[in-house]
PDB file of N, CA and C in Angstrom:
ATOM      1  N   MET A   1      -3.365  -2.843 -13.602  1.00  0.00           N
ATOM      2  CA  MET A   1      -3.204  -2.511 -12.420  1.00  0.00           C
ATOM      3  C   MET A   1      -1.977  -2.998 -11.649  1.00  0.00           C
ATOM      4  N   ARG A   2      -1.170  -3.868 -11.990  1.00  0.00           N
ATOM      5  CA  ARG A   2      -0.193  -4.243 -11.265  1.00  0.00           C
ATOM      6  C   ARG A   2       0.668  -3.174 -11.347  1.00  0.00           C
ATOM      7  N   HIS A   3       0.854  -2.361 -12.995  1.00  0.00           N
ATOM      8  CA  HIS A   3       1.752  -1.286 -12.595  1.00  0.00           C
ATOM      9  C   HIS A   3       1.748  -0.269 -12.044  1.00  0.00           C
ATOM     10  N   ALA A   4       0.359  -0.411 -11.782  1.00  0.00           N
ATOM     11  CA  ALA A   4       0.169   1.013 -10.965  1.00  0.00           C
ATOM     12  C   ALA A   4      -0.094   0.407  -9.299  1.00  0.00           C
ATOM     13  N   LEU A   5       0.019  -0.309  -8.720  1.00  0.00           N
ATOM     14  CA  LEU A   5       0.487  -1.529  -7.487  1.00  0.00           C
ATOM     15  C   LEU A   5       2.048  -0.859  -7.122  1.00  0.00           C
ATOM     16  N   ILE A   6       3.190  -1.806  -8.602  1.00  0.00           N
ATOM     17  CA  ILE A   6       4.445  -1.596  -8.247  1.00  0.00           C
ATOM     18  C   ILE A   6       4.571   0.072  -8.375  1.00  0.00           C
ATOM     19  N   LEU A   7       4.068   1.069  -9.098  1.00  0.00           N
ATOM     20  CA  LEU A   7       4.748   2.030  -8.858  1.00  0.00           C
ATOM     21  C   LEU A   7       4.346   2.424  -7.522  1.00  0.00           C
ATOM     22  N   ILE A   8       3.424   2.573  -7.152  1.00  0.00           N
ATOM     23  CA  ILE A   8       2.855   3.064  -5.081  1.00  0.00           C
ATOM     24  C   ILE A   8       3.978   2.627  -4.750  1.00  0.00           C
ATOM     25  N   LEU A   9       4.168   1.055  -4.476  1.00  0.00           N
ATOM     26  CA  LEU A   9       5.120   0.699  -3.653  1.00  0.00           C
ATOM     27  C   LEU A   9       6.464   1.260  -3.766  1.00  0.00           C
ATOM     28  N   VAL A  10       6.844   1.425  -5.059  1.00  0.00           N
ATOM     29  CA  VAL A  10       8.444   2.053  -5.566  1.00  0.00           C
ATOM     30  C   VAL A  10       8.463   3.613  -4.929  1.00  0.00           C
ATOM     31  N   ALA A  11       7.235   4.227  -4.726  1.00  0.00           N
ATOM     32  CA  ALA A  11       7.143   5.578  -4.156  1.00  0.00           C
ATOM     33  C   ALA A  11       6.971   5.617  -2.946  1.00  0.00           C
ATOM     34  N   VAL A  12       6.348   4.549  -2.055  1.00  0.00           N
ATOM     35  CA  VAL A  12       6.338   4.402  -0.814  1.00  0.00           C
ATOM     36  C   VAL A  12       7.540   4.029  -0.423  1.00  0.00           C
ATOM     37  N   ILE A  13       8.448   3.373  -1.049  1.00  0.00           N
ATOM     38  CA  ILE A  13       9.585   2.885  -0.530  1.00  0.00           C
ATOM     39  C   ILE A  13      10.537   4.081  -0.590  1.00  0.00           C
ATOM     40  N   THR A  14      10.658   4.523  -1.427  1.00  0.00           N
ATOM     41  CA  THR A  14      11.622   5.765  -2.148  1.00  0.00           C
ATOM     42  C   THR A  14      11.329   7.057  -0.715  1.00  0.00           C
ATOM     43  N   ILE A  15       9.850   7.605  -0.772  1.00  0.00           N
ATOM     44  CA  ILE A  15       9.567   8.486   0.477  1.00  0.00           C
ATOM     45  C   ILE A  15      10.284   7.808   1.721  1.00  0.00           C
ATOM     46  N   SER A  16      10.034   6.799   2.189  1.00  0.00           N
ATOM     47  CA  SER A  16      10.660   5.943   3.388  1.00  0.00           C
ATOM     48  C   SER A  16      11.994   5.925   3.606  1.00  0.00           C
ATOM     49  N   VAL A  17      13.016   6.144   2.454  1.00  0.00           N
ATOM     50  CA  VAL A  17      14.527   6.007   2.617  1.00  0.00           C
ATOM     51  C   VAL A  17      14.611   7.363   2.270  1.00  0.00           C
ATOM     52  N   ILE A  18      13.615   8.422   1.746  1.00  0.00           N
ATOM     53  CA  ILE A  18      14.322   9.361   2.197  1.00  0.00           C
ATOM     54  C   ILE A  18      14.004  10.169   3.561  1.00  0.00           C
ATOM     55  N   LEU A  19      13.053   9.978   3.712  1.00  0.00           N
ATOM     56  CA  LEU A  19      12.464  10.144   5.178  1.00  0.00           C
ATOM     57  C   LEU A  19      13.276  10.058   6.452  1.00  0.00           C
ATOM     58  N   ILE A  20      13.861   8.281   6.271  1.00  0.00           N
ATOM     59  CA  ILE A  20      14.802   7.877   6.682  1.00  0.00           C
ATOM     60  C   ILE A  20      16.371   8.405   7.020  1.00  0.00           C
ATOM     61  N   ILE A  21      16.862   9.153   5.659  1.00  0.00           N
ATOM     62  CA  ILE A  21      18.396   9.807   5.938  1.00  0.00           C
ATOM     63  C   ILE A  21      18.297  10.547   6.437  1.00  0.00           C
ATOM     64  N   TYR A  22      17.404  11.628   5.815  1.00  0.00           N
ATOM     65  CA  TYR A  22      16.902  13.076   6.190  1.00  0.00           C
ATOM     66  C   TYR A  22      16.092  14.073   7.795  1.00  0.00           C
ATOM     67  N   ARG A  23      15.400  12.675   7.694  1.00  0.00           N
ATOM     68  CA  ARG A  23      14.334  13.419   9.175  1.00  0.00           C
ATOM     69  C   ARG A  23      13.686  11.828   9.655  1.00  0.00           C
ATOM     70  N   PRO A  24      14.885  11.118  10.307  1.00  0.00           N
ATOM     71  CA  PRO A  24      14.239   9.833  10.682  1.00  0.00           C
ATOM     72  C   PRO A  24      13.653  10.094  12.392  1.00  0.00           C
ATOM     73  N   ASP A  25      13.261  10.771  12.669  1.00  0.00           N
ATOM     74  CA  ASP A  25      12.484  11.649  13.618  1.00  0.00           C
ATOM     75  C   ASP A  25      11.514  11.848  13.592  1.00  0.00           C
ATOM     76  N   LEU A  26      10.979  11.546  12.619  1.00  0.00           N
ATOM     77  CA  LEU A  26       9.204  11.760  11.741  1.00  0.00           C
ATOM     78  C   LEU A  26       8.701  10.276  11.933  1.00  0.00           C
ATOM     79  N   LEU A  27       9.498   9.616  11.368  1.00  0.00           N
ATOM     80  CA  LEU A  27       9.005   7.913  10.947  1.00  0.00           C
ATOM     81  C   LEU A  27       9.007   7.340  12.616  1.00  0.00           C
ATOM     82  N   GLU A  28       9.938   7.802  13.633  1.00  0.00           N
ATOM     83  CA  GLU A  28       9.974   7.118  14.618  1.00  0.00           C
ATOM     84  C   GLU A  28       8.736   6.483  15.407  1.00  0.00           C
ATOM     85  N   ASP A  29       7.297   7.528  15.054  1.00  0.00           N
ATOM     86  CA  ASP A  29       6.240   7.649  15.916  1.00  0.00           C
ATOM     87  C   ASP A  29       5.587   6.731  14.740  1.00  0.00           C
ATOM     88  N   VAL A  30       5.795   6.955  13.614  1.00  0.00           N
ATOM     89  CA  VAL A  30       4.717   6.543  12.240  1.00  0.00           C
ATOM     90  C   VAL A  30       5.186   5.248  12.641  1.00  0.00           C
ATOM     91  N   TRP A  31       6.208   4.674  12.255  1.00  0.00           N
ATOM     92  CA  TRP A  31       6.448   3.034  12.246  1.00  0.00           C
ATOM     93  C   TRP A  31       5.554   2.147  13.431  1.00  0.00           C
ATOM     94  N   LEU A  32       5.641   2.693  14.487  1.00  0.00           N
ATOM     95  CA  LEU A  32       4.982   2.217  15.312  1.00  0.00           C
ATOM     96  C   LEU A  32       3.337   1.680  15.022  1.00  0.00           C
ATOM     97  N   TRP A  33       2.890   2.771  14.701  1.00  0.00           N
ATOM     98  CA  TRP A  33       1.229   2.342  13.848  1.00  0.00           C
ATOM     99  C   TRP A  33       1.303   2.124  12.888  1.00  0.00           C
ATOM    100  N   LEU A  34       2.145   1.593  11.979  1.00  0.00           N
ATOM    101  CA  LEU A  34       2.529   0.814  11.004  1.00  0.00           C
ATOM    102  C   LEU A  34       2.476  -0.704  11.305  1.00  0.00           C
ATOM    103  N   VAL A  35       3.683  -0.469  12.110  1.00  0.00           N
ATOM    104  CA  VAL A  35       3.055  -2.228  12.219  1.00  0.00           C
ATOM    105  C   VAL A  35       2.299  -2.933  13.867  1.00  0.00           C
ATOM    106  N   GLY A  36       1.414  -1.964  14.093  1.00  0.00           N
ATOM    107  CA  GLY A  36      -0.182  -2.263  14.959  1.00  0.00           C
ATOM    108  C   GLY A  36      -0.819  -2.236  13.630  1.00  0.00           C
ATOM    109  N   LEU A  37      -1.228  -1.794  12.473  1.00  0.00           N
ATOM    110  CA  LEU A  37      -1.807  -1.861  11.667  1.00  0.00           C
ATOM    111  C   LEU A  37      -1.988  -2.684  10.248  1.00  0.00           C
ATOM    112  N   ILE A  38      -0.513  -3.221  10.332  1.00  0.00           N
ATOM    113  CA  ILE A  38      -0.512  -3.868   9.365  1.00  0.00           C
ATOM    114  C   ILE A  38      -1.265  -4.703   8.692  1.00  0.00           C
ATOM    115  N   GLY A  39      -1.777  -5.505   9.618  1.00  0.00           N
ATOM    116  CA  GLY A  39      -2.994  -6.552   9.719  1.00  0.00           C
ATOM    117  C   GLY A  39      -3.876  -6.337   9.036  1.00  0.00           C
ATOM    118  N   PRO A  40      -4.725  -5.161   9.398  1.00  0.00           N
ATOM    119  CA  PRO A  40      -5.856  -4.232   9.096  1.00  0.00           C
ATOM    120  C   PRO A  40      -5.636  -3.875   7.444  1.00  0.00           C
ATOM    121  N   ILE A  41      -4.431  -3.045   7.628  1.00  0.00           N
ATOM    122  CA  ILE A  41      -4.197  -2.527   6.328  1.00  0.00           C
ATOM    123  C   ILE A  41      -4.027  -4.147   5.171  1.00  0.00           C
ATOM    124  N   ILE A  42      -3.159  -5.057   5.377  1.00  0.00           N
ATOM    125  CA  ILE A  42      -3.235  -6.096   4.047  1.00  0.00           C
ATOM    126  C   ILE A  42      -4.755  -6.555   3.949  1.00  0.00           C
ATOM    127  N   GLY A  43      -5.443  -7.043   4.979  1.00  0.00           N
ATOM    128  CA  GLY A  43      -7.176  -7.551   4.857  1.00  0.00           C
ATOM    129  C   GLY A  43      -7.907  -6.364   3.572  1.00  0.00           C
ATOM    130  N   PHE A  44      -7.654  -5.112   4.096  1.00  0.00           N
ATOM    131  CA  PHE A  44      -8.589  -4.089   3.279  1.00  0.00           C
ATOM    132  C   PHE A  44      -7.661  -3.961   2.038  1.00  0.00           C
ATOM    133  N   THR A  45      -6.851  -4.252   1.668  1.00  0.00           N
ATOM    134  CA  THR A  45      -5.902  -4.186   0.557  1.00  0.00           C
ATOM    135  C   THR A  45      -6.045  -5.559  -0.676  1.00  0.00           C
ATOM    136  N   LYS A  46      -6.387  -6.485   0.228  1.00  0.00           N
ATOM    137  CA  LYS A  46      -6.839  -7.774  -0.310  1.00  0.00           C
ATOM    138  C   LYS A  46      -8.494  -7.703  -0.612  1.00  0.00           C
ATOM    139  N   ALA A  47      -8.943  -6.698  -0.003  1.00  0.00           N
ATOM    140  CA  ALA A  47     -10.568  -6.941  -0.216  1.00  0.00           C
ATOM    141  C   ALA A  47     -10.682  -5.909  -1.442  1.00  0.00           C
ATOM    142  N   ILE A  48     -10.004  -4.738  -1.367  1.00  0.00           N
ATOM    143  CA  ILE A  48     -10.075  -4.001  -2.428  1.00  0.00           C
ATOM    144  C   ILE A  48      -9.827  -4.560  -4.047  1.00  0.00           C
ATOM    145  N   ILE A  49      -8.641  -5.108  -3.894  1.00  0.00           N
ATOM    146  CA  ILE A  49      -7.916  -6.110  -4.598  1.00  0.00           C
ATOM    147  C   ILE A  49      -8.983  -7.265  -5.860  1.00  0.00           C
ATOM    148  N   LYS A  50      -9.682  -7.610  -4.375  1.00  0.00           N
ATOM    149  CA  LYS A  50     -10.370  -8.821  -5.037  1.00  0.00           C
ATOM    150  C   LYS A  50     -11.845  -7.784  -5.221  1.00  0.00           C
ATOM    151  N   SER A  51     -12.044  -6.903  -4.976  1.00  0.00           N
ATOM    152  CA  SER A  51     -13.575  -6.371  -5.522  1.00  0.00           C
ATOM    153  C   SER A  51     -12.960  -5.669  -6.937  1.00  0.00           C
ATOM    154  N   VAL A  52     -12.222  -5.194  -7.124  1.00  0.00           N
ATOM    155  CA  VAL A  52     -11.639  -4.650  -8.136  1.00  0.00           C
ATOM    156  C   VAL A  52     -11.801  -5.466  -9.359  1.00  0.00           C
ATOM    157  N   SER A  53     -11.073  -6.706  -9.061  1.00  0.00           N
ATOM    158  CA  SER A  53     -10.679  -7.720 -10.010  1.00  0.00           C
ATOM    159  C   SER A  53     -12.026  -7.967 -10.471  1.00  0.00           C
ATOM    160  N   ASN A  54     -13.322  -8.642  -9.473  1.00  0.00           N
ATOM    161  CA  ASN A  54     -14.523  -9.290  -9.431  1.00  0.00           C
ATOM    162  C   ASN A  54     -15.190  -8.124 -10.876  1.00  0.00           C
ATOM    163  N   PHE A  55     -15.021  -6.677 -10.339  1.00  0.00           N
ATOM    164  CA  PHE A  55     -15.995  -5.474 -11.047  1.00  0.00           C
ATOM    165  C   PHE A  55     -15.542  -5.909 -12.773  1.00  0.00           C
ATOM    166  N   PHE A  56     -14.536  -6.138 -12.688  1.00  0.00           N
ATOM    167  CA  PHE A  56     -13.227  -6.370 -13.980  1.00  0.00           C
ATOM    168  C   PHE A  56     -13.619  -7.243 -14.945  1.00  0.00           C
ATOM    169  N   LYS A  57     -13.723  -7.946 -14.009  1.00  0.00           N
ATOM    170  CA  LYS A  57     -14.247  -9.716 -14.341  1.00  0.00           C
ATOM    171  C   LYS A  57     -15.868  -9.717 -15.052  1.00  0.00           C
ATOM    172  N   SER A  58     -16.558  -8.614 -14.650  1.00  0.00           N
ATOM    173  CA  SER A  58     -17.833  -8.269 -14.499  1.00  0.00           C
ATOM    174  C   SER A  58     -17.901  -8.071 -15.937  1.00  0.00           C
ATOM    175  N   LEU A  59     -17.308  -7.084 -15.919  1.00  0.00           N
ATOM    176  CA  LEU A  59     -17.174  -6.233 -17.392  1.00  0.00           C
ATOM    177  C   LEU A  59     -16.678  -7.083 -18.761  1.00  0.00           C
ATOM    178  N   ASP A  60     -16.220  -8.188 -18.459  1.00  0.00           N
ATOM    179  CA  ASP A  60     -14.868  -8.824 -19.847  1.00  0.00           C
ATOM    180  C   ASP A  60     -16.876  -9.718 -19.536  1.00  0.00           C
ATOM    181  N   HIS A  61     -17.268 -10.112 -18.858  1.00  0.00           N
ATOM    182  CA  HIS A  61     -18.454 -11.129 -18.860  1.00  0.00           C
ATOM    183  C   HIS A  61     -19.755 -10.025 -20.172  1.00  0.00           C
ATOM    184  N   ALA A  62     -19.628  -9.023 -19.726  1.00  0.00           N
ATOM    185  CA  ALA A  62     -20.958  -8.175 -20.666  1.00  0.00           C
ATOM    186  C   ALA A  62     -20.634  -7.869 -21.594  1.00  0.00           C
TER     187      ALA A  62
END
C-alpha cells in the first residue's frame, strides 16, 4: 500500500513540476482550490487509509 502511495505522490509532483515549467497559467487557479481544500482532502485520505487498513486487518484475523 505504501508503494502505491509513494508512486502516486511522485506522479503528482512530477506533473506539477512539468506544468509549472511549461504551463504556469493552468496552475494559477488550481492551486488556490487546493490550498482551500487541503484540510478536507487530508481528512478524507486519512479516513480511506484507516478503512482500508481495518479491512486488511479483518482479513488477517479471518
